[in-house]
């Protein structure tokens, strides 16, 4: 199973890289994808990200207080969410804050 790991900012990147390394140890058939590691230097990053989004129906979005309004995170979450709505999964990994019960969606 492929999973797209999204990040924005230094703290979020460290979390995303940790998840990329750790997840296959607990879910052996998982193939995580993260832009900082899986795009070759000099490759057209926008095409690579688009292809990764196209090939994944599950995304983990590493949220911190610093990136809650990130346009990239919103774009990538939307790209995952609109695909095969019954089969797509947008998961948040919140670091440094708790999501209030009655808040707007993250």
PDB file of N, CA and C in Angstrom:
ATOM      1  N   UNK A   1       0.834  -1.175   0.000  1.00  0.00           N
ATOM      2  CA  UNK A   1       0.000   0.000   0.000  1.00  0.00           C
ATOM      3  C   UNK A   1       0.884   1.245   0.000  1.00  0.00           C
ATOM      4  N   UNK A   2       0.566   2.193  -0.860  1.00  0.00           N
ATOM      5  CA  UNK A   2       1.291   3.456  -0.927  1.00  0.00           C
ATOM      6  C   UNK A   2       0.652   4.473  -0.001  1.00  0.00           C
ATOM      7  N   UNK A   3       1.475   5.325   0.582  1.00  0.00           N
ATOM      8  CA  UNK A   3       0.961   6.423   1.401  1.00  0.00           C
ATOM      9  C   UNK A   3       1.804   7.670   1.124  1.00  0.00           C
ATOM     10  N   UNK A   4       1.131   8.774   0.907  1.00  0.00           N
ATOM     11  CA  UNK A   4       1.753  10.062   0.648  1.00  0.00           C
ATOM     12  C   UNK A   4       1.894  10.780   1.985  1.00  0.00           C
ATOM     13  N   UNK A   5       3.108  11.196   2.334  1.00  0.00           N
ATOM     14  CA  UNK A   5       3.334  11.916   3.584  1.00  0.00           C
ATOM     15  C   UNK A   5       3.620  13.374   3.235  1.00  0.00           C
ATOM     16  N   UNK A   6       2.772  14.259   3.722  1.00  0.00           N
ATOM     17  CA  UNK A   6       2.861  15.676   3.401  1.00  0.00           C
ATOM     18  C   UNK A   6       3.410  16.467   4.580  1.00  0.00           C
ATOM     19  N   UNK A   7       4.207  17.474   4.279  1.00  0.00           N
ATOM     20  CA  UNK A   7       4.829  18.297   5.302  1.00  0.00           C
ATOM     21  C   UNK A   7       4.979  19.718   4.776  1.00  0.00           C
ATOM     22  N   UNK A   8       5.190  20.652   5.690  1.00  0.00           N
ATOM     23  CA  UNK A   8       5.469  22.035   5.328  1.00  0.00           C
ATOM     24  C   UNK A   8       6.187  22.697   6.494  1.00  0.00           C
ATOM     25  N   UNK A   9       7.447  23.026   6.299  1.00  0.00           N
ATOM     26  CA  UNK A   9       8.243  23.654   7.351  1.00  0.00           C
ATOM     27  C   UNK A   9       9.185  22.666   8.011  1.00  0.00           C
ATOM     28  N   UNK A  10      10.216  23.182   8.685  1.00  0.00           N
ATOM     29  CA  UNK A  10      11.270  22.332   9.252  1.00  0.00           C
ATOM     30  C   UNK A  10      10.788  21.301  10.274  1.00  0.00           C
ATOM     31  N   UNK A  11       9.939  21.706  11.197  1.00  0.00           N
ATOM     32  CA  UNK A  11       9.476  20.759  12.228  1.00  0.00           C
ATOM     33  C   UNK A  11       8.605  19.678  11.612  1.00  0.00           C
ATOM     34  N   UNK A  12       7.733  20.078  10.719  1.00  0.00           N
ATOM     35  CA  UNK A  12       6.863  19.132  10.039  1.00  0.00           C
ATOM     36  C   UNK A  12       7.685  18.155   9.190  1.00  0.00           C
ATOM     37  N   UNK A  13       8.749  18.650   8.565  1.00  0.00           N
ATOM     38  CA  UNK A  13       9.626  17.789   7.763  1.00  0.00           C
ATOM     39  C   UNK A  13      10.268  16.718   8.635  1.00  0.00           C
ATOM     40  N   UNK A  14      10.764  17.089   9.814  1.00  0.00           N
ATOM     41  CA  UNK A  14      11.383  16.094  10.703  1.00  0.00           C
ATOM     42  C   UNK A  14      10.380  15.015  11.103  1.00  0.00           C
ATOM     43  N   UNK A  15       9.148  15.417  11.363  1.00  0.00           N
ATOM     44  CA  UNK A  15       8.096  14.458  11.713  1.00  0.00           C
ATOM     45  C   UNK A  15       7.824  13.535  10.535  1.00  0.00           C
ATOM     46  N   UNK A  16       7.690  14.112   9.352  1.00  0.00           N
ATOM     47  CA  UNK A  16       7.394  13.331   8.144  1.00  0.00           C
ATOM     48  C   UNK A  16       8.509  12.332   7.853  1.00  0.00           C
ATOM     49  N   UNK A  17       9.758  12.756   7.985  1.00  0.00           N
ATOM     50  CA  UNK A  17      10.877  11.847   7.738  1.00  0.00           C
ATOM     51  C   UNK A  17      10.900  10.717   8.763  1.00  0.00           C
ATOM     52  N   UNK A  18      10.568  11.024  10.000  1.00  0.00           N
ATOM     53  CA  UNK A  18      10.487   9.975  11.023  1.00  0.00           C
ATOM     54  C   UNK A  18       9.388   8.976  10.716  1.00  0.00           C
ATOM     55  N   UNK A  19       8.233   9.462  10.285  1.00  0.00           N
ATOM     56  CA  UNK A  19       7.137   8.558   9.919  1.00  0.00           C
ATOM     57  C   UNK A  19       7.524   7.682   8.726  1.00  0.00           C
ATOM     58  N   UNK A  20       8.191   8.290   7.735  1.00  0.00           N
ATOM     59  CA  UNK A  20       8.608   7.525   6.553  1.00  0.00           C
ATOM     60  C   UNK A  20       9.522   6.362   6.934  1.00  0.00           C
ATOM     61  N   UNK A  21      10.387   6.600   7.883  1.00  0.00           N
ATOM     62  CA  UNK A  21      11.311   5.557   8.315  1.00  0.00           C
ATOM     63  C   UNK A  21      10.618   4.515   9.199  1.00  0.00           C
ATOM     64  N   UNK A  22       9.735   4.943  10.087  1.00  0.00           N
ATOM     65  CA  UNK A  22       9.138   4.073  11.092  1.00  0.00           C
ATOM     66  C   UNK A  22       7.965   3.239  10.571  1.00  0.00           C
ATOM     67  N   UNK A  23       7.106   3.825   9.752  1.00  0.00           N
ATOM     68  CA  UNK A  23       5.872   3.141   9.340  1.00  0.00           C
ATOM     69  C   UNK A  23       6.087   1.758   8.722  1.00  0.00           C
ATOM     70  N   UNK A  24       7.063   1.553   7.844  1.00  0.00           N
ATOM     71  CA  UNK A  24       7.238   0.200   7.281  1.00  0.00           C
ATOM     72  C   UNK A  24       7.611  -0.865   8.314  1.00  0.00           C
ATOM     73  N   UNK A  25       8.124  -0.448   9.465  1.00  0.00           N
ATOM     74  CA  UNK A  25       8.426  -1.415  10.524  1.00  0.00           C
ATOM     75  C   UNK A  25       7.163  -1.954  11.182  1.00  0.00           C
ATOM     76  N   UNK A  26       6.119  -1.141  11.227  1.00  0.00           N
ATOM     77  CA  UNK A  26       4.884  -1.581  11.873  1.00  0.00           C
ATOM     78  C   UNK A  26       3.820  -2.030  10.875  1.00  0.00           C
ATOM     79  N   UNK A  27       3.892  -1.554   9.659  1.00  0.00           N
ATOM     80  CA  UNK A  27       2.995  -1.980   8.575  1.00  0.00           C
ATOM     81  C   UNK A  27       3.882  -2.403   7.408  1.00  0.00           C
ATOM     82  N   UNK A  28       4.193  -3.673   7.357  1.00  0.00           N
ATOM     83  CA  UNK A  28       5.232  -4.174   6.468  1.00  0.00           C
ATOM     84  C   UNK A  28       4.953  -3.983   4.983  1.00  0.00           C
ATOM     85  N   UNK A  29       3.703  -3.908   4.585  1.00  0.00           N
ATOM     86  CA  UNK A  29       3.399  -3.739   3.166  1.00  0.00           C
ATOM     87  C   UNK A  29       3.230  -2.270   2.782  1.00  0.00           C
ATOM     88  N   UNK A  30       3.614  -1.352   3.664  1.00  0.00           N
ATOM     89  CA  UNK A  30       3.452   0.078   3.420  1.00  0.00           C
ATOM     90  C   UNK A  30       4.658   0.630   2.668  1.00  0.00           C
ATOM     91  N   UNK A  31       4.374   1.460   1.659  1.00  0.00           N
ATOM     92  CA  UNK A  31       5.421   2.119   0.883  1.00  0.00           C
ATOM     93  C   UNK A  31       5.205   3.628   0.992  1.00  0.00           C
ATOM     94  N   UNK A  32       5.816   4.282   1.995  1.00  0.00           N
ATOM     95  CA  UNK A  32       5.611   5.715   2.177  1.00  0.00           C
ATOM     96  C   UNK A  32       6.392   6.531   1.152  1.00  0.00           C
ATOM     97  N   UNK A  33       5.802   7.654   0.758  1.00  0.00           N
ATOM     98  CA  UNK A  33       6.434   8.577  -0.195  1.00  0.00           C
ATOM     99  C   UNK A  33       6.485   9.960   0.430  1.00  0.00           C
ATOM    100  N   UNK A  34       7.659  10.594   0.369  1.00  0.00           N
ATOM    101  CA  UNK A  34       7.846  11.947   0.895  1.00  0.00           C
ATOM    102  C   UNK A  34       8.734  12.712  -0.088  1.00  0.00           C
ATOM    103  N   UNK A  35       8.355  13.933  -0.375  1.00  0.00           N
ATOM    104  CA  UNK A  35       9.038  14.713  -1.406  1.00  0.00           C
ATOM    105  C   UNK A  35      10.520  14.936  -1.104  1.00  0.00           C
ATOM    106  N   UNK A  36      10.882  15.152   0.142  1.00  0.00           N
ATOM    107  CA  UNK A  36      12.271  15.452   0.488  1.00  0.00           C
ATOM    108  C   UNK A  36      13.207  14.270   0.224  1.00  0.00           C
ATOM    109  N   UNK A  37      12.679  13.072   0.195  1.00  0.00           N
ATOM    110  CA  UNK A  37      13.499  11.875   0.014  1.00  0.00           C
ATOM    111  C   UNK A  37      13.284  11.185  -1.333  1.00  0.00           C
ATOM    112  N   UNK A  38      12.104  11.321  -1.896  1.00  0.00           N
ATOM    113  CA  UNK A  38      11.741  10.511  -3.060  1.00  0.00           C
ATOM    114  C   UNK A  38      11.716  11.261  -4.386  1.00  0.00           C
ATOM    115  N   UNK A  39      12.158  12.494  -4.377  1.00  0.00           N
ATOM    116  CA  UNK A  39      12.336  13.233  -5.628  1.00  0.00           C
ATOM    117  C   UNK A  39      13.830  13.382  -5.847  1.00  0.00           C
ATOM    118  N   UNK A  40      14.298  12.901  -6.974  1.00  0.00           N
ATOM    119  CA  UNK A  40      15.721  13.007  -7.292  1.00  0.00           C
ATOM    120  C   UNK A  40      16.118  14.464  -7.463  1.00  0.00           C
ATOM    121  N   UNK A  41      17.332  14.784  -7.072  1.00  0.00           N
ATOM    122  CA  UNK A  41      17.850  16.143  -7.238  1.00  0.00           C
ATOM    123  C   UNK A  41      17.787  16.530  -8.717  1.00  0.00           C
ATOM    124  N   UNK A  42      17.253  17.694  -8.986  1.00  0.00           N
ATOM    125  CA  UNK A  42      17.163  18.192 -10.353  1.00  0.00           C
ATOM    126  C   UNK A  42      15.941  17.737 -11.125  1.00  0.00           C
ATOM    127  N   UNK A  43      15.164  16.823 -10.547  1.00  0.00           N
ATOM    128  CA  UNK A  43      13.951  16.337 -11.219  1.00  0.00           C
ATOM    129  C   UNK A  43      12.873  17.416 -11.138  1.00  0.00           C
ATOM    130  N   UNK A  44      11.933  17.416 -12.082  1.00  0.00           N
ATOM    131  CA  UNK A  44      10.837  18.395 -12.027  1.00  0.00           C
ATOM    132  C   UNK A  44       9.913  18.078 -10.848  1.00  0.00           C
ATOM    133  N   UNK A  45      10.115  18.787  -9.732  1.00  0.00           N
ATOM    134  CA  UNK A  45       9.430  18.458  -8.480  1.00  0.00           C
ATOM    135  C   UNK A  45       7.920  18.520  -8.601  1.00  0.00           C
ATOM    136  N   UNK A  46       7.398  19.463  -9.394  1.00  0.00           N
ATOM    137  CA  UNK A  46       5.948  19.576  -9.494  1.00  0.00           C
ATOM    138  C   UNK A  46       5.339  18.363 -10.189  1.00  0.00           C
ATOM    139  N   UNK A  47       6.007  17.846 -11.204  1.00  0.00           N
ATOM    140  CA  UNK A  47       5.522  16.641 -11.882  1.00  0.00           C
ATOM    141  C   UNK A  47       5.642  15.419 -10.976  1.00  0.00           C
ATOM    142  N   UNK A  48       6.710  15.361 -10.194  1.00  0.00           N
ATOM    143  CA  UNK A  48       6.919  14.244  -9.269  1.00  0.00           C
ATOM    144  C   UNK A  48       5.844  14.228  -8.174  1.00  0.00           C
ATOM    145  N   UNK A  49       5.537  15.398  -7.630  1.00  0.00           N
ATOM    146  CA  UNK A  49       4.504  15.475  -6.595  1.00  0.00           C
ATOM    147  C   UNK A  49       3.147  15.119  -7.192  1.00  0.00           C
ATOM    148  N   UNK A  50       2.859  15.619  -8.382  1.00  0.00           N
ATOM    149  CA  UNK A  50       1.581  15.294  -9.045  1.00  0.00           C
ATOM    150  C   UNK A  50       1.451  13.798  -9.272  1.00  0.00           C
ATOM    151  N   UNK A  51       2.526  13.152  -9.725  1.00  0.00           N
ATOM    152  CA  UNK A  51       2.493  11.707  -9.951  1.00  0.00           C
ATOM    153  C   UNK A  51       2.283  10.951  -8.642  1.00  0.00           C
ATOM    154  N   UNK A  52       2.943  11.391  -7.577  1.00  0.00           N
ATOM    155  CA  UNK A  52       2.779  10.728  -6.279  1.00  0.00           C
ATOM    156  C   UNK A  52       1.352  10.890  -5.771  1.00  0.00           C
ATOM    157  N   UNK A  53       0.786  12.060  -5.945  1.00  0.00           N
ATOM    158  CA  UNK A  53      -0.601  12.273  -5.531  1.00  0.00           C
ATOM    159  C   UNK A  53      -1.546  11.402  -6.348  1.00  0.00           C
ATOM    160  N   UNK A  54      -1.254  11.243  -7.616  1.00  0.00           N
ATOM    161  CA  UNK A  54      -2.091  10.425  -8.497  1.00  0.00           C
ATOM    162  C   UNK A  54      -2.050   8.953  -8.097  1.00  0.00           C
ATOM    163  N   UNK A  55      -0.907   8.497  -7.584  1.00  0.00           N
ATOM    164  CA  UNK A  55      -0.716   7.080  -7.263  1.00  0.00           C
ATOM    165  C   UNK A  55      -1.071   6.706  -5.829  1.00  0.00           C
ATOM    166  N   UNK A  56      -1.602   7.649  -5.057  1.00  0.00           N
ATOM    167  CA  UNK A  56      -1.911   7.380  -3.657  1.00  0.00           C
ATOM    168  C   UNK A  56      -3.355   7.736  -3.337  1.00  0.00           C
ATOM    169  N   UNK A  57      -3.986   6.906  -2.539  1.00  0.00           N
ATOM    170  CA  UNK A  57      -5.324   7.223  -2.048  1.00  0.00           C
ATOM    171  C   UNK A  57      -5.311   7.481  -0.540  1.00  0.00           C
ATOM    172  N   UNK A  58      -4.115   7.404   0.059  1.00  0.00           N
ATOM    173  CA  UNK A  58      -3.967   7.672   1.487  1.00  0.00           C
ATOM    174  C   UNK A  58      -2.876   8.705   1.694  1.00  0.00           C
ATOM    175  N   UNK A  59      -3.159   9.690   2.537  1.00  0.00           N
ATOM    176  CA  UNK A  59      -2.170  10.705   2.849  1.00  0.00           C
ATOM    177  C   UNK A  59      -2.119  10.964   4.343  1.00  0.00           C
ATOM    178  N   UNK A  60      -0.911  11.146   4.848  1.00  0.00           N
ATOM    179  CA  UNK A  60      -0.697  11.558   6.226  1.00  0.00           C
ATOM    180  C   UNK A  60      -0.155  12.979   6.171  1.00  0.00           C
ATOM    181  N   UNK A  61      -0.818  13.892   6.868  1.00  0.00           N
ATOM    182  CA  UNK A  61      -0.466  15.296   6.813  1.00  0.00           C
ATOM    183  C   UNK A  61       0.067  15.730   8.165  1.00  0.00           C
ATOM    184  N   UNK A  62       1.358  16.069   8.196  1.00  0.00           N
ATOM    185  CA  UNK A  62       2.063  16.401   9.426  1.00  0.00           C
ATOM    186  C   UNK A  62       1.824  17.870   9.751  1.00  0.00           C
ATOM    187  N   UNK A  63       0.979  18.105  10.746  1.00  0.00           N
ATOM    188  CA  UNK A  63       0.557  19.456  11.098  1.00  0.00           C
ATOM    189  C   UNK A  63       1.245  19.953  12.354  1.00  0.00           C
ATOM    190  N   UNK A  64       1.666  21.205  12.295  1.00  0.00           N
ATOM    191  CA  UNK A  64       2.216  21.912  13.443  1.00  0.00           C
ATOM    192  C   UNK A  64       1.504  23.261  13.513  1.00  0.00           C
ATOM    193  N   UNK A  65       1.679  23.966  14.597  1.00  0.00           N
ATOM    194  CA  UNK A  65       1.067  25.300  14.687  1.00  0.00           C
ATOM    195  C   UNK A  65       1.578  26.218  13.582  1.00  0.00           C
ATOM    196  N   UNK A  66       2.818  26.012  13.155  1.00  0.00           N
ATOM    197  CA  UNK A  66       3.418  26.875  12.144  1.00  0.00           C
ATOM    198  C   UNK A  66       2.859  26.654  10.735  1.00  0.00           C
ATOM    199  N   UNK A  67       2.300  25.491  10.451  1.00  0.00           N
ATOM    200  CA  UNK A  67       1.895  25.226   9.065  1.00  0.00           C
ATOM    201  C   UNK A  67       0.391  24.999   8.871  1.00  0.00           C
ATOM    202  N   UNK A  68      -0.406  25.334   9.852  1.00  0.00           N
ATOM    203  CA  UNK A  68      -1.847  25.082   9.740  1.00  0.00           C
ATOM    204  C   UNK A  68      -2.489  25.769   8.545  1.00  0.00           C
ATOM    205  N   UNK A  69      -1.934  26.883   8.100  1.00  0.00           N
ATOM    206  CA  UNK A  69      -2.493  27.603   6.957  1.00  0.00           C
ATOM    207  C   UNK A  69      -1.701  27.368   5.670  1.00  0.00           C
ATOM    208  N   UNK A  70      -0.910  26.326   5.625  1.00  0.00           N
ATOM    209  CA  UNK A  70      -0.079  26.052   4.452  1.00  0.00           C
ATOM    210  C   UNK A  70      -0.934  25.737   3.220  1.00  0.00           C
ATOM    211  N   UNK A  71      -0.713  26.471   2.156  1.00  0.00           N
ATOM    212  CA  UNK A  71      -1.433  26.220   0.903  1.00  0.00           C
ATOM    213  C   UNK A  71      -1.077  24.853   0.324  1.00  0.00           C
ATOM    214  N   UNK A  72       0.193  24.460   0.461  1.00  0.00           N
ATOM    215  CA  UNK A  72       0.612  23.161  -0.081  1.00  0.00           C
ATOM    216  C   UNK A  72      -0.082  22.010   0.636  1.00  0.00           C
ATOM    217  N   UNK A  73      -0.141  22.069   1.950  1.00  0.00           N
ATOM    218  CA  UNK A  73      -0.820  21.007   2.688  1.00  0.00           C
ATOM    219  C   UNK A  73      -2.284  20.916   2.277  1.00  0.00           C
ATOM    220  N   UNK A  74      -2.940  22.057   2.148  1.00  0.00           N
ATOM    221  CA  UNK A  74      -4.345  22.061   1.725  1.00  0.00           C
ATOM    222  C   UNK A  74      -4.508  21.512   0.312  1.00  0.00           C
ATOM    223  N   UNK A  75      -3.622  21.905  -0.583  1.00  0.00           N
ATOM    224  CA  UNK A  75      -3.675  21.419  -1.962  1.00  0.00           C
ATOM    225  C   UNK A  75      -3.514  19.899  -2.004  1.00  0.00           C
ATOM    226  N   UNK A  76      -2.494  19.402  -1.311  1.00  0.00           N
ATOM    227  CA  UNK A  76      -2.212  17.969  -1.336  1.00  0.00           C
ATOM    228  C   UNK A  76      -3.323  17.167  -0.666  1.00  0.00           C
ATOM    229  N   UNK A  77      -3.867  17.673   0.433  1.00  0.00           N
ATOM    230  CA  UNK A  77      -4.979  16.982   1.096  1.00  0.00           C
ATOM    231  C   UNK A  77      -6.195  16.930   0.178  1.00  0.00           C
ATOM    232  N   UNK A  78      -6.467  18.014  -0.514  1.00  0.00           N
ATOM    233  CA  UNK A  78      -7.585  18.037  -1.453  1.00  0.00           C
ATOM    234  C   UNK A  78      -7.381  17.075  -2.605  1.00  0.00           C
ATOM    235  N   UNK A  79      -6.152  16.986  -3.106  1.00  0.00           N
ATOM    236  CA  UNK A  79      -5.859  16.079  -4.218  1.00  0.00           C
ATOM    237  C   UNK A  79      -6.086  14.621  -3.823  1.00  0.00           C
ATOM    238  N   UNK A  80      -5.738  14.271  -2.596  1.00  0.00           N
ATOM    239  CA  UNK A  80      -5.975  12.905  -2.108  1.00  0.00           C
ATOM    240  C   UNK A  80      -7.472  12.694  -1.862  1.00  0.00           C
ATOM    241  N   UNK A  81      -8.113  13.662  -1.239  1.00  0.00           N
ATOM    242  CA  UNK A  81      -9.504  13.507  -0.799  1.00  0.00           C
ATOM    243  C   UNK A  81     -10.487  13.353  -1.946  1.00  0.00           C
ATOM    244  N   UNK A  82     -10.243  13.981  -3.077  1.00  0.00           N
ATOM    245  CA  UNK A  82     -11.226  13.940  -4.166  1.00  0.00           C
ATOM    246  C   UNK A  82     -11.169  12.651  -4.973  1.00  0.00           C
ATOM    247  N   UNK A  83     -10.127  11.858  -4.790  1.00  0.00           N
ATOM    248  CA  UNK A  83      -9.986  10.613  -5.534  1.00  0.00           C
ATOM    249  C   UNK A  83     -10.810   9.510  -4.886  1.00  0.00           C
ATOM    250  N   UNK A  84     -11.630   8.859  -5.653  1.00  0.00           N
ATOM    251  CA  UNK A  84     -12.365   7.699  -5.159  1.00  0.00           C
ATOM    252  C   UNK A  84     -12.825   7.919  -3.724  1.00  0.00           C
ATOM    253  N   UNK A  85     -13.687   8.865  -3.539  1.00  0.00           N
ATOM    254  CA  UNK A  85     -14.031   9.362  -2.207  1.00  0.00           C
ATOM    255  C   UNK A  85     -14.249   8.279  -1.161  1.00  0.00           C
ATOM    256  N   UNK A  86     -14.830   7.155  -1.529  1.00  0.00           N
ATOM    257  CA  UNK A  86     -15.058   6.095  -0.546  1.00  0.00           C
ATOM    258  C   UNK A  86     -13.755   5.412  -0.149  1.00  0.00           C
ATOM    259  N   UNK A  87     -12.740   5.510  -1.005  1.00  0.00           N
ATOM    260  CA  UNK A  87     -11.507   4.769  -0.760  1.00  0.00           C
ATOM    261  C   UNK A  87     -10.327   5.656  -0.386  1.00  0.00           C
ATOM    262  N   UNK A  88     -10.500   6.957  -0.376  1.00  0.00           N
ATOM    263  CA  UNK A  88      -9.380   7.830  -0.029  1.00  0.00           C
ATOM    264  C   UNK A  88      -9.389   8.122   1.470  1.00  0.00           C
ATOM    265  N   UNK A  89      -8.201   8.341   1.996  1.00  0.00           N
ATOM    266  CA  UNK A  89      -8.040   8.593   3.431  1.00  0.00           C
ATOM    267  C   UNK A  89      -7.077   9.752   3.635  1.00  0.00           C
ATOM    268  N   UNK A  90      -7.544  10.771   4.313  1.00  0.00           N
ATOM    269  CA  UNK A  90      -6.718  11.915   4.688  1.00  0.00           C
ATOM    270  C   UNK A  90      -6.575  11.869   6.199  1.00  0.00           C
ATOM    271  N   UNK A  91      -5.345  11.626   6.652  1.00  0.00           N
ATOM    272  CA  UNK A  91      -5.073  11.483   8.077  1.00  0.00           C
ATOM    273  C   UNK A  91      -4.189  12.637   8.533  1.00  0.00           C
ATOM    274  N   UNK A  92      -4.464  13.188   9.703  1.00  0.00           N
ATOM    275  CA  UNK A  92      -3.620  14.251  10.246  1.00  0.00           C
ATOM    276  C   UNK A  92      -2.785  13.709  11.394  1.00  0.00           C
ATOM    277  N   UNK A  93      -1.560  14.170  11.442  1.00  0.00           N
ATOM    278  CA  UNK A  93      -0.649  13.889  12.542  1.00  0.00           C
ATOM    279  C   UNK A  93      -0.333  15.247  13.156  1.00  0.00           C
ATOM    280  N   UNK A  94      -0.947  15.549  14.286  1.00  0.00           N
ATOM    281  CA  UNK A  94      -0.830  16.866  14.921  1.00  0.00           C
ATOM    282  C   UNK A  94       0.287  16.845  15.951  1.00  0.00           C
ATOM    283  N   UNK A  95       1.190  17.826  15.861  1.00  0.00           N
ATOM    284  CA  UNK A  95       2.314  17.905  16.779  1.00  0.00           C
ATOM    285  C   UNK A  95       2.346  19.279  17.438  1.00  0.00           C
ATOM    286  N   UNK A  96       2.308  19.293  18.761  1.00  0.00           N
ATOM    287  CA  UNK A  96       2.446  20.535  19.496  1.00  0.00           C
ATOM    288  C   UNK A  96       1.138  21.238  19.804  1.00  0.00           C
ATOM    289  N   UNK A  97       0.026  20.608  19.475  1.00  0.00           N
ATOM    290  CA  UNK A  97      -1.273  21.191  19.792  1.00  0.00           C
ATOM    291  C   UNK A  97      -2.311  20.085  19.784  1.00  0.00           C
ATOM    292  N   UNK A  98      -3.435  20.370  20.413  1.00  0.00           N
ATOM    293  CA  UNK A  98      -4.561  19.455  20.396  1.00  0.00           C
ATOM    294  C   UNK A  98      -5.664  20.070  19.577  1.00  0.00           C
ATOM    295  N   UNK A  99      -6.272  19.271  18.787  1.00  0.00           N
ATOM    296  CA  UNK A  99      -7.391  19.755  17.994  1.00  0.00           C
ATOM    297  C   UNK A  99      -8.619  19.851  18.894  1.00  0.00           C
ATOM    298  N   UNK A 100      -9.218  21.049  19.001  1.00  0.00           N
ATOM    299  CA  UNK A 100     -10.442  21.162  19.806  1.00  0.00           C
ATOM    300  C   UNK A 100     -11.566  20.317  19.212  1.00  0.00           C
ATOM    301  N   UNK A 101     -12.434  19.805  20.047  1.00  0.00           N
ATOM    302  CA  UNK A 101     -13.507  18.930  19.582  1.00  0.00           C
ATOM    303  C   UNK A 101     -14.456  19.612  18.594  1.00  0.00           C
ATOM    304  N   UNK A 102     -14.734  20.881  18.784  1.00  0.00           N
ATOM    305  CA  UNK A 102     -15.695  21.578  17.938  1.00  0.00           C
ATOM    306  C   UNK A 102     -15.032  22.554  16.983  1.00  0.00           C
ATOM    307  N   UNK A 103     -13.864  22.233  16.498  1.00  0.00           N
ATOM    308  CA  UNK A 103     -13.162  23.143  15.598  1.00  0.00           C
ATOM    309  C   UNK A 103     -13.499  22.827  14.147  1.00  0.00           C
ATOM    310  N   UNK A 104     -13.100  23.725  13.297  1.00  0.00           N
ATOM    311  CA  UNK A 104     -13.230  23.491  11.859  1.00  0.00           C
ATOM    312  C   UNK A 104     -12.310  22.353  11.470  1.00  0.00           C
ATOM    313  N   UNK A 105     -12.551  21.703  10.352  1.00  0.00           N
ATOM    314  CA  UNK A 105     -11.709  20.586   9.936  1.00  0.00           C
ATOM    315  C   UNK A 105     -10.261  20.999   9.752  1.00  0.00           C
ATOM    316  N   UNK A 106      -9.347  20.065  10.058  1.00  0.00           N
ATOM    317  CA  UNK A 106      -7.926  20.293   9.824  1.00  0.00           C
ATOM    318  C   UNK A 106      -7.502  19.577   8.581  1.00  0.00           C
TER     319      UNK A 106
END
